[in-house]
Amino acid sequence: MAKKNFKELLSKSQELLFVDFYADWCGPCQTMNPVVEEVIDSYEGKIKLLKIDVEKHPQLAQQFAVRSIPHYALFKRGKILWRKGGIMTKKDLAQYLKGFV
């Protein structure tokens, strides 16, 4: 995804956009994949999931100061509402997002 397309998607998105910064080789990222997908699915379309591979898009990782992965950010209309890195439990992730839905 080009930087321009990503910025456009962020600014035009009226819904919540959960961005998952990851890499295929990252063990913790692989551990979190089913957790993230299950939590996002539980919000029944109220939150859209966007996965960004930091290996393929290092400029986006740099732009959003992603220093370690997995790293997550929640956007609405181009603004970051919440961000957190590392492994989380399903309960914790759902609790973090609950306040924005």
PDB file of N, CA and C in Angstrom:
ATOM      1  N   MET A   1       0.849  -1.176   0.000  1.00  0.00           N
ATOM      2  CA  MET A   1       0.000   0.000   0.000  1.00  0.00           C
ATOM      3  C   MET A   1       0.891   1.235   0.000  1.00  0.00           C
ATOM      4  N   ALA A   2       0.613   2.096  -0.900  1.00  0.00           N
ATOM      5  CA  ALA A   2       1.395   3.332  -1.007  1.00  0.00           C
ATOM      6  C   ALA A   2       1.041   4.275   0.143  1.00  0.00           C
ATOM      7  N   LYS A   3       2.007   5.094   0.501  1.00  0.00           N
ATOM      8  CA  LYS A   3       1.826   6.045   1.604  1.00  0.00           C
ATOM      9  C   LYS A   3       0.628   6.950   1.335  1.00  0.00           C
ATOM     10  N   LYS A   4       0.497   7.410   0.095  1.00  0.00           N
ATOM     11  CA  LYS A   4      -0.607   8.302  -0.275  1.00  0.00           C
ATOM     12  C   LYS A   4      -1.953   7.589  -0.084  1.00  0.00           C
ATOM     13  N   ASN A   5      -2.045   6.336  -0.529  1.00  0.00           N
ATOM     14  CA  ASN A   5      -3.287   5.575  -0.391  1.00  0.00           C
ATOM     15  C   ASN A   5      -3.654   5.369   1.071  1.00  0.00           C
ATOM     16  N   PHE A   6      -2.637   5.100   1.902  1.00  0.00           N
ATOM     17  CA  PHE A   6      -2.871   4.881   3.318  1.00  0.00           C
ATOM     18  C   PHE A   6      -3.392   6.158   3.970  1.00  0.00           C
ATOM     19  N   LYS A   7      -2.749   7.291   3.682  1.00  0.00           N
ATOM     20  CA  LYS A   7      -3.188   8.573   4.252  1.00  0.00           C
ATOM     21  C   LYS A   7      -4.613   8.899   3.804  1.00  0.00           C
ATOM     22  N   GLU A   8      -4.916   8.610   2.555  1.00  0.00           N
ATOM     23  CA  GLU A   8      -6.257   8.868   2.029  1.00  0.00           C
ATOM     24  C   GLU A   8      -7.282   7.987   2.731  1.00  0.00           C
ATOM     25  N   LEU A   9      -6.944   6.715   2.902  1.00  0.00           N
ATOM     26  CA  LEU A   9      -7.835   5.784   3.591  1.00  0.00           C
ATOM     27  C   LEU A   9      -8.084   6.248   5.028  1.00  0.00           C
ATOM     28  N   LEU A  10      -7.019   6.661   5.707  1.00  0.00           N
ATOM     29  CA  LEU A  10      -7.161   7.134   7.086  1.00  0.00           C
ATOM     30  C   LEU A  10      -8.054   8.362   7.174  1.00  0.00           C
ATOM     31  N   SER A  11      -7.832   9.327   6.300  1.00  0.00           N
ATOM     32  CA  SER A  11      -8.567  10.588   6.395  1.00  0.00           C
ATOM     33  C   SER A  11     -10.019  10.452   5.967  1.00  0.00           C
ATOM     34  N   LYS A  12     -10.311   9.534   5.065  1.00  0.00           N
ATOM     35  CA  LYS A  12     -11.679   9.393   4.561  1.00  0.00           C
ATOM     36  C   LYS A  12     -12.514   8.406   5.357  1.00  0.00           C
ATOM     37  N   SER A  13     -11.865   7.591   6.176  1.00  0.00           N
ATOM     38  CA  SER A  13     -12.581   6.566   6.918  1.00  0.00           C
ATOM     39  C   SER A  13     -13.443   7.192   8.011  1.00  0.00           C
ATOM     40  N   GLN A  14     -14.744   7.005   7.890  1.00  0.00           N
ATOM     41  CA  GLN A  14     -15.673   7.500   8.905  1.00  0.00           C
ATOM     42  C   GLN A  14     -15.809   6.496  10.044  1.00  0.00           C
ATOM     43  N   GLU A  15     -15.427   5.249   9.761  1.00  0.00           N
ATOM     44  CA  GLU A  15     -15.512   4.215  10.781  1.00  0.00           C
ATOM     45  C   GLU A  15     -14.175   4.100  11.509  1.00  0.00           C
ATOM     46  N   LEU A  16     -14.178   3.382  12.590  1.00  0.00           N
ATOM     47  CA  LEU A  16     -12.941   3.124  13.315  1.00  0.00           C
ATOM     48  C   LEU A  16     -12.062   2.195  12.490  1.00  0.00           C
ATOM     49  N   LEU A  17     -10.792   2.508  12.426  1.00  0.00           N
ATOM     50  CA  LEU A  17      -9.840   1.717  11.656  1.00  0.00           C
ATOM     51  C   LEU A  17      -8.740   1.240  12.597  1.00  0.00           C
ATOM     52  N   PHE A  18      -8.665  -0.068  12.796  1.00  0.00           N
ATOM     53  CA  PHE A  18      -7.665  -0.677  13.667  1.00  0.00           C
ATOM     54  C   PHE A  18      -6.509  -1.125  12.793  1.00  0.00           C
ATOM     55  N   VAL A  19      -5.350  -0.520  12.975  1.00  0.00           N
ATOM     56  CA  VAL A  19      -4.184  -0.835  12.153  1.00  0.00           C
ATOM     57  C   VAL A  19      -3.241  -1.726  12.955  1.00  0.00           C
ATOM     58  N   ASP A  20      -2.919  -2.864  12.364  1.00  0.00           N
ATOM     59  CA  ASP A  20      -2.021  -3.854  12.954  1.00  0.00           C
ATOM     60  C   ASP A  20      -0.699  -3.788  12.195  1.00  0.00           C
ATOM     61  N   PHE A  21       0.332  -3.234  12.821  1.00  0.00           N
ATOM     62  CA  PHE A  21       1.674  -3.204  12.235  1.00  0.00           C
ATOM     63  C   PHE A  21       2.360  -4.508  12.640  1.00  0.00           C
ATOM     64  N   TYR A  22       2.797  -5.296  11.658  1.00  0.00           N
ATOM     65  CA  TYR A  22       3.334  -6.626  11.917  1.00  0.00           C
ATOM     66  C   TYR A  22       4.418  -6.972  10.903  1.00  0.00           C
ATOM     67  N   ALA A  23       5.012  -8.155  11.081  1.00  0.00           N
ATOM     68  CA  ALA A  23       5.905  -8.751  10.081  1.00  0.00           C
ATOM     69  C   ALA A  23       5.655 -10.254  10.099  1.00  0.00           C
ATOM     70  N   ASP A  24       5.803 -10.889   8.946  1.00  0.00           N
ATOM     71  CA  ASP A  24       5.541 -12.329   8.846  1.00  0.00           C
ATOM     72  C   ASP A  24       6.451 -13.159   9.748  1.00  0.00           C
ATOM     73  N   TRP A  25       7.678 -12.716   9.946  1.00  0.00           N
ATOM     74  CA  TRP A  25       8.647 -13.472  10.742  1.00  0.00           C
ATOM     75  C   TRP A  25       8.478 -13.278  12.249  1.00  0.00           C
ATOM     76  N   CYS A  26       7.602 -12.390  12.654  1.00  0.00           N
ATOM     77  CA  CYS A  26       7.438 -12.014  14.066  1.00  0.00           C
ATOM     78  C   CYS A  26       6.543 -13.008  14.812  1.00  0.00           C
ATOM     79  N   GLY A  27       7.141 -13.745  15.742  1.00  0.00           N
ATOM     80  CA  GLY A  27       6.391 -14.725  16.540  1.00  0.00           C
ATOM     81  C   GLY A  27       5.267 -14.109  17.349  1.00  0.00           C
ATOM     82  N   PRO A  28       5.529 -13.037  18.106  1.00  0.00           N
ATOM     83  CA  PRO A  28       4.437 -12.402  18.859  1.00  0.00           C
ATOM     84  C   PRO A  28       3.302 -11.898  17.952  1.00  0.00           C
ATOM     85  N   CYS A  29       3.648 -11.453  16.748  1.00  0.00           N
ATOM     86  CA  CYS A  29       2.616 -11.008  15.798  1.00  0.00           C
ATOM     87  C   CYS A  29       1.720 -12.190  15.417  1.00  0.00           C
ATOM     88  N   GLN A  30       2.340 -13.340  15.156  1.00  0.00           N
ATOM     89  CA  GLN A  30       1.578 -14.541  14.801  1.00  0.00           C
ATOM     90  C   GLN A  30       0.688 -14.986  15.961  1.00  0.00           C
ATOM     91  N   THR A  31       1.206 -14.839  17.182  1.00  0.00           N
ATOM     92  CA  THR A  31       0.425 -15.184  18.372  1.00  0.00           C
ATOM     93  C   THR A  31      -0.795 -14.291  18.496  1.00  0.00           C
ATOM     94  N   MET A  32      -0.632 -13.014  18.165  1.00  0.00           N
ATOM     95  CA  MET A  32      -1.716 -12.044  18.316  1.00  0.00           C
ATOM     96  C   MET A  32      -2.742 -12.076  17.183  1.00  0.00           C
ATOM     97  N   ASN A  33      -2.381 -12.614  16.026  1.00  0.00           N
ATOM     98  CA  ASN A  33      -3.307 -12.613  14.882  1.00  0.00           C
ATOM     99  C   ASN A  33      -4.703 -13.121  15.226  1.00  0.00           C
ATOM    100  N   PRO A  34      -4.843 -14.332  15.778  1.00  0.00           N
ATOM    101  CA  PRO A  34      -6.207 -14.802  16.072  1.00  0.00           C
ATOM    102  C   PRO A  34      -6.899 -13.970  17.151  1.00  0.00           C
ATOM    103  N   VAL A  35      -6.143 -13.441  18.097  1.00  0.00           N
ATOM    104  CA  VAL A  35      -6.713 -12.598  19.150  1.00  0.00           C
ATOM    105  C   VAL A  35      -7.297 -11.323  18.536  1.00  0.00           C
ATOM    106  N   VAL A  36      -6.496 -10.656  17.704  1.00  0.00           N
ATOM    107  CA  VAL A  36      -6.935  -9.414  17.053  1.00  0.00           C
ATOM    108  C   VAL A  36      -8.163  -9.680  16.192  1.00  0.00           C
ATOM    109  N   GLU A  37      -8.106 -10.716  15.362  1.00  0.00           N
ATOM    110  CA  GLU A  37      -9.222 -11.002  14.460  1.00  0.00           C
ATOM    111  C   GLU A  37     -10.502 -11.320  15.224  1.00  0.00           C
ATOM    112  N   GLU A  38     -10.389 -12.089  16.302  1.00  0.00           N
ATOM    113  CA  GLU A  38     -11.571 -12.438  17.091  1.00  0.00           C
ATOM    114  C   GLU A  38     -12.181 -11.205  17.759  1.00  0.00           C
ATOM    115  N   VAL A  39     -11.337 -10.358  18.320  1.00  0.00           N
ATOM    116  CA  VAL A  39     -11.849  -9.142  18.982  1.00  0.00           C
ATOM    117  C   VAL A  39     -12.492  -8.198  17.962  1.00  0.00           C
ATOM    118  N   ILE A  40     -11.811  -7.977  16.834  1.00  0.00           N
ATOM    119  CA  ILE A  40     -12.370  -7.084  15.803  1.00  0.00           C
ATOM    120  C   ILE A  40     -13.689  -7.650  15.277  1.00  0.00           C
ATOM    121  N   ASP A  41     -13.742  -8.964  15.033  1.00  0.00           N
ATOM    122  CA  ASP A  41     -14.983  -9.598  14.568  1.00  0.00           C
ATOM    123  C   ASP A  41     -16.117  -9.434  15.575  1.00  0.00           C
ATOM    124  N   SER A  42     -15.780  -9.418  16.856  1.00  0.00           N
ATOM    125  CA  SER A  42     -16.816  -9.306  17.891  1.00  0.00           C
ATOM    126  C   SER A  42     -17.516  -7.948  17.849  1.00  0.00           C
ATOM    127  N   TYR A  43     -16.913  -6.968  17.212  1.00  0.00           N
ATOM    128  CA  TYR A  43     -17.525  -5.639  17.101  1.00  0.00           C
ATOM    129  C   TYR A  43     -18.408  -5.513  15.859  1.00  0.00           C
ATOM    130  N   GLU A  44     -18.592  -6.616  15.162  1.00  0.00           N
ATOM    131  CA  GLU A  44     -19.567  -6.741  14.078  1.00  0.00           C
ATOM    132  C   GLU A  44     -19.550  -5.597  13.078  1.00  0.00           C
ATOM    133  N   GLY A  45     -18.368  -5.311  12.538  1.00  0.00           N
ATOM    134  CA  GLY A  45     -18.261  -4.310  11.483  1.00  0.00           C
ATOM    135  C   GLY A  45     -18.099  -2.879  11.965  1.00  0.00           C
ATOM    136  N   LYS A  46     -18.102  -2.646  13.252  1.00  0.00           N
ATOM    137  CA  LYS A  46     -17.944  -1.286  13.773  1.00  0.00           C
ATOM    138  C   LYS A  46     -16.486  -0.834  13.720  1.00  0.00           C
ATOM    139  N   ILE A  47     -15.580  -1.811  13.627  1.00  0.00           N
ATOM    140  CA  ILE A  47     -14.149  -1.519  13.520  1.00  0.00           C
ATOM    141  C   ILE A  47     -13.604  -2.284  12.316  1.00  0.00           C
ATOM    142  N   LYS A  48     -12.909  -1.568  11.450  1.00  0.00           N
ATOM    143  CA  LYS A  48     -12.301  -2.188  10.268  1.00  0.00           C
ATOM    144  C   LYS A  48     -10.833  -2.496  10.586  1.00  0.00           C
ATOM    145  N   LEU A  49     -10.371  -3.683  10.198  1.00  0.00           N
ATOM    146  CA  LEU A  49      -8.994  -4.115  10.438  1.00  0.00           C
ATOM    147  C   LEU A  49      -8.139  -3.872   9.199  1.00  0.00           C
ATOM    148  N   LEU A  50      -6.993  -3.250   9.407  1.00  0.00           N
ATOM    149  CA  LEU A  50      -6.031  -3.032   8.329  1.00  0.00           C
ATOM    150  C   LEU A  50      -4.665  -3.502   8.821  1.00  0.00           C
ATOM    151  N   LYS A  51      -4.073  -4.451   8.107  1.00  0.00           N
ATOM    152  CA  LYS A  51      -2.778  -4.999   8.488  1.00  0.00           C
ATOM    153  C   LYS A  51      -1.691  -4.374   7.618  1.00  0.00           C
ATOM    154  N   ILE A  52      -0.639  -3.859   8.268  1.00  0.00           N
ATOM    155  CA  ILE A  52       0.478  -3.238   7.560  1.00  0.00           C
ATOM    156  C   ILE A  52       1.748  -4.020   7.872  1.00  0.00           C
ATOM    157  N   ASP A  53       2.331  -4.634   6.848  1.00  0.00           N
ATOM    158  CA  ASP A  53       3.589  -5.366   6.994  1.00  0.00           C
ATOM    159  C   ASP A  53       4.727  -4.345   7.016  1.00  0.00           C
ATOM    160  N   VAL A  54       5.409  -4.231   8.160  1.00  0.00           N
ATOM    161  CA  VAL A  54       6.454  -3.218   8.304  1.00  0.00           C
ATOM    162  C   VAL A  54       7.675  -3.503   7.422  1.00  0.00           C
ATOM    163  N   GLU A  55       7.831  -4.737   6.976  1.00  0.00           N
ATOM    164  CA  GLU A  55       8.926  -5.081   6.059  1.00  0.00           C
ATOM    165  C   GLU A  55       8.652  -4.501   4.665  1.00  0.00           C
ATOM    166  N   LYS A  56       7.400  -4.535   4.256  1.00  0.00           N
ATOM    167  CA  LYS A  56       7.017  -4.038   2.935  1.00  0.00           C
ATOM    168  C   LYS A  56       6.747  -2.538   2.935  1.00  0.00           C
ATOM    169  N   HIS A  57       6.434  -1.986   4.103  1.00  0.00           N
ATOM    170  CA  HIS A  57       6.080  -0.565   4.208  1.00  0.00           C
ATOM    171  C   HIS A  57       6.817   0.098   5.367  1.00  0.00           C
ATOM    172  N   PRO A  58       8.148   0.108   5.313  1.00  0.00           N
ATOM    173  CA  PRO A  58       8.913   0.699   6.421  1.00  0.00           C
ATOM    174  C   PRO A  58       8.641   2.196   6.608  1.00  0.00           C
ATOM    175  N   GLN A  59       8.299   2.897   5.532  1.00  0.00           N
ATOM    176  CA  GLN A  59       8.024   4.329   5.643  1.00  0.00           C
ATOM    177  C   GLN A  59       6.786   4.592   6.493  1.00  0.00           C
ATOM    178  N   LEU A  60       5.787   3.708   6.434  1.00  0.00           N
ATOM    179  CA  LEU A  60       4.593   3.885   7.265  1.00  0.00           C
ATOM    180  C   LEU A  60       4.910   3.593   8.726  1.00  0.00           C
ATOM    181  N   ALA A  61       5.709   2.567   8.948  1.00  0.00           N
ATOM    182  CA  ALA A  61       6.122   2.256  10.321  1.00  0.00           C
ATOM    183  C   ALA A  61       6.901   3.426  10.908  1.00  0.00           C
ATOM    184  N   GLN A  62       7.763   4.010  10.123  1.00  0.00           N
ATOM    185  CA  GLN A  62       8.554   5.152  10.583  1.00  0.00           C
ATOM    186  C   GLN A  62       7.647   6.363  10.837  1.00  0.00           C
ATOM    187  N   GLN A  63       6.732   6.609   9.920  1.00  0.00           N
ATOM    188  CA  GLN A  63       5.827   7.756  10.053  1.00  0.00           C
ATOM    189  C   GLN A  63       5.030   7.704  11.353  1.00  0.00           C
ATOM    190  N   PHE A  64       4.649   6.500  11.769  1.00  0.00           N
ATOM    191  CA  PHE A  64       3.837   6.359  12.977  1.00  0.00           C
ATOM    192  C   PHE A  64       4.666   5.910  14.183  1.00  0.00           C
ATOM    193  N   ALA A  65       5.986   6.065  14.079  1.00  0.00           N
ATOM    194  CA  ALA A  65       6.918   5.795  15.187  1.00  0.00           C
ATOM    195  C   ALA A  65       6.759   4.390  15.758  1.00  0.00           C
ATOM    196  N   VAL A  66       6.593   3.420  14.867  1.00  0.00           N
ATOM    197  CA  VAL A  66       6.501   2.030  15.298  1.00  0.00           C
ATOM    198  C   VAL A  66       7.925   1.532  15.510  1.00  0.00           C
ATOM    199  N   ARG A  67       8.278   1.287  16.756  1.00  0.00           N
ATOM    200  CA  ARG A  67       9.641   0.880  17.114  1.00  0.00           C
ATOM    201  C   ARG A  67       9.754  -0.616  17.344  1.00  0.00           C
ATOM    202  N   SER A  68       8.630  -1.250  17.677  1.00  0.00           N
ATOM    203  CA  SER A  68       8.619  -2.687  17.883  1.00  0.00           C
ATOM    204  C   SER A  68       7.273  -3.221  17.416  1.00  0.00           C
ATOM    205  N   ILE A  69       7.246  -4.494  17.117  1.00  0.00           N
ATOM    206  CA  ILE A  69       6.014  -5.132  16.646  1.00  0.00           C
ATOM    207  C   ILE A  69       5.728  -6.344  17.520  1.00  0.00           C
ATOM    208  N   PRO A  70       4.465  -6.718  17.644  1.00  0.00           N
ATOM    209  CA  PRO A  70       3.290  -6.087  17.053  1.00  0.00           C
ATOM    210  C   PRO A  70       3.022  -4.713  17.680  1.00  0.00           C
ATOM    211  N   HIS A  71       2.407  -3.872  16.880  1.00  0.00           N
ATOM    212  CA  HIS A  71       2.041  -2.525  17.323  1.00  0.00           C
ATOM    213  C   HIS A  71       0.672  -2.220  16.719  1.00  0.00           C
ATOM    214  N   TYR A  72      -0.186  -1.632  17.522  1.00  0.00           N
ATOM    215  CA  TYR A  72      -1.559  -1.377  17.084  1.00  0.00           C
ATOM    216  C   TYR A  72      -1.915   0.087  17.249  1.00  0.00           C
ATOM    217  N   ALA A  73      -2.734   0.579  16.337  1.00  0.00           N
ATOM    218  CA  ALA A  73      -3.222   1.952  16.429  1.00  0.00           C
ATOM    219  C   ALA A  73      -4.670   1.978  15.961  1.00  0.00           C
ATOM    220  N   LEU A  74      -5.476   2.755  16.655  1.00  0.00           N
ATOM    221  CA  LEU A  74      -6.884   2.913  16.305  1.00  0.00           C
ATOM    222  C   LEU A  74      -7.084   4.328  15.789  1.00  0.00           C
ATOM    223  N   PHE A  75      -7.620   4.430  14.579  1.00  0.00           N
ATOM    224  CA  PHE A  75      -7.815   5.724  13.922  1.00  0.00           C
ATOM    225  C   PHE A  75      -9.292   5.983  13.665  1.00  0.00           C
ATOM    226  N   LYS A  76      -9.624   7.256  13.616  1.00  0.00           N
ATOM    227  CA  LYS A  76     -10.928   7.699  13.109  1.00  0.00           C
ATOM    228  C   LYS A  76     -10.706   9.048  12.460  1.00  0.00           C
ATOM    229  N   ARG A  77     -11.118   9.170  11.210  1.00  0.00           N
ATOM    230  CA  ARG A  77     -10.950  10.398  10.424  1.00  0.00           C
ATOM    231  C   ARG A  77      -9.507  10.904  10.437  1.00  0.00           C
ATOM    232  N   GLY A  78      -8.566   9.979  10.368  1.00  0.00           N
ATOM    233  CA  GLY A  78      -7.165  10.340  10.263  1.00  0.00           C
ATOM    234  C   GLY A  78      -6.456  10.635  11.566  1.00  0.00           C
ATOM    235  N   LYS A  79      -7.183  10.591  12.659  1.00  0.00           N
ATOM    236  CA  LYS A  79      -6.583  10.880  13.961  1.00  0.00           C
ATOM    237  C   LYS A  79      -6.393   9.594  14.768  1.00  0.00           C
ATOM    238  N   ILE A  80      -5.247   9.509  15.452  1.00  0.00           N
ATOM    239  CA  ILE A  80      -5.000   8.357  16.308  1.00  0.00           C
ATOM    240  C   ILE A  80      -5.763   8.546  17.615  1.00  0.00           C
ATOM    241  N   LEU A  81      -6.618   7.579  17.911  1.00  0.00           N
ATOM    242  CA  LEU A  81      -7.391   7.619  19.151  1.00  0.00           C
ATOM    243  C   LEU A  81      -6.696   6.834  20.257  1.00  0.00           C
ATOM    244  N   TRP A  82      -5.953   5.801  19.850  1.00  0.00           N
ATOM    245  CA  TRP A  82      -5.324   4.887  20.808  1.00  0.00           C
ATOM    246  C   TRP A  82      -4.208   4.136  20.103  1.00  0.00           C
ATOM    247  N   ARG A  83      -3.157   3.802  20.847  1.00  0.00           N
ATOM    248  CA  ARG A  83      -2.099   2.956  20.291  1.00  0.00           C
ATOM    249  C   ARG A  83      -1.432   2.182  21.408  1.00  0.00           C
ATOM    250  N   LYS A  84      -0.950   0.996  21.052  1.00  0.00           N
ATOM    251  CA  LYS A  84      -0.295   0.136  22.033  1.00  0.00           C
ATOM    252  C   LYS A  84       0.517  -0.909  21.291  1.00  0.00           C
ATOM    253  N   GLY A  85       1.627  -1.285  21.882  1.00  0.00           N
ATOM    254  CA  GLY A  85       2.460  -2.321  21.300  1.00  0.00           C
ATOM    255  C   GLY A  85       2.520  -3.541  22.187  1.00  0.00           C
ATOM    256  N   GLY A  86       2.909  -4.656  21.591  1.00  0.00           N
ATOM    257  CA  GLY A  86       3.130  -5.876  22.350  1.00  0.00           C
ATOM    258  C   GLY A  86       1.945  -6.809  22.402  1.00  0.00           C
ATOM    259  N   ILE A  87       2.147  -7.885  23.154  1.00  0.00           N
ATOM    260  CA  ILE A  87       1.118  -8.917  23.292  1.00  0.00           C
ATOM    261  C   ILE A  87       0.107  -8.481  24.346  1.00  0.00           C
ATOM    262  N   MET A  88      -1.166  -8.730  24.043  1.00  0.00           N
ATOM    263  CA  MET A  88      -2.253  -8.436  24.975  1.00  0.00           C
ATOM    264  C   MET A  88      -3.181  -9.638  25.022  1.00  0.00           C
ATOM    265  N   THR A  89      -3.914  -9.739  26.101  1.00  0.00           N
ATOM    266  CA  THR A  89      -4.941 -10.772  26.160  1.00  0.00           C
ATOM    267  C   THR A  89      -6.151 -10.302  25.357  1.00  0.00           C
ATOM    268  N   LYS A  90      -6.981 -11.240  24.984  1.00  0.00           N
ATOM    269  CA  LYS A  90      -8.211 -10.908  24.261  1.00  0.00           C
ATOM    270  C   LYS A  90      -9.070  -9.972  25.112  1.00  0.00           C
ATOM    271  N   LYS A  91      -9.137 -10.253  26.398  1.00  0.00           N
ATOM    272  CA  LYS A  91      -9.931  -9.430  27.314  1.00  0.00           C
ATOM    273  C   LYS A  91      -9.407  -7.994  27.361  1.00  0.00           C
ATOM    274  N   ASP A  92      -8.094  -7.845  27.474  1.00  0.00           N
ATOM    275  CA  ASP A  92      -7.500  -6.497  27.536  1.00  0.00           C
ATOM    276  C   ASP A  92      -7.742  -5.718  26.249  1.00  0.00           C
ATOM    277  N   LEU A  93      -7.521  -6.356  25.106  1.00  0.00           N
ATOM    278  CA  LEU A  93      -7.732  -5.669  23.830  1.00  0.00           C
ATOM    279  C   LEU A  93      -9.185  -5.241  23.677  1.00  0.00           C
ATOM    280  N   ALA A  94     -10.099  -6.137  23.996  1.00  0.00           N
ATOM    281  CA  ALA A  94     -11.531  -5.807  23.897  1.00  0.00           C
ATOM    282  C   ALA A  94     -11.872  -4.642  24.826  1.00  0.00           C
ATOM    283  N   GLN A  95     -11.282  -4.634  26.017  1.00  0.00           N
ATOM    284  CA  GLN A  95     -11.538  -3.562  26.984  1.00  0.00           C
ATOM    285  C   GLN A  95     -11.020  -2.223  26.473  1.00  0.00           C
ATOM    286  N   TYR A  96      -9.809  -2.224  25.878  1.00  0.00           N
ATOM    287  CA  TYR A  96      -9.245  -0.987  25.320  1.00  0.00           C
ATOM    288  C   TYR A  96     -10.170  -0.413  24.243  1.00  0.00           C
ATOM    289  N   LEU A  97     -10.642  -1.280  23.365  1.00  0.00           N
ATOM    290  CA  LEU A  97     -11.443  -0.817  22.225  1.00  0.00           C
ATOM    291  C   LEU A  97     -12.868  -0.447  22.595  1.00  0.00           C
ATOM    292  N   LYS A  98     -13.367  -1.045  23.655  1.00  0.00           N
ATOM    293  CA  LYS A  98     -14.759  -0.853  24.071  1.00  0.00           C
ATOM    294  C   LYS A  98     -15.113   0.623  24.245  1.00  0.00           C
ATOM    295  N   GLY A  99     -14.192   1.399  24.767  1.00  0.00           N
ATOM    296  CA  GLY A  99     -14.466   2.805  25.001  1.00  0.00           C
ATOM    297  C   GLY A  99     -14.593   3.649  23.739  1.00  0.00           C
ATOM    298  N   PHE A 100     -14.229   3.110  22.583  1.00  0.00           N
ATOM    299  CA  PHE A 100     -14.271   3.872  21.338  1.00  0.00           C
ATOM    300  C   PHE A 100     -15.441   3.478  20.428  1.00  0.00           C
ATOM    301  N   VAL A 101     -16.089   2.373  20.748  1.00  0.00           N
ATOM    302  CA  VAL A 101     -17.157   1.863  19.868  1.00  0.00           C
ATOM    303  C   VAL A 101     -18.497   2.407  20.300  1.00  0.00           C
TER     304      VAL A 101
END
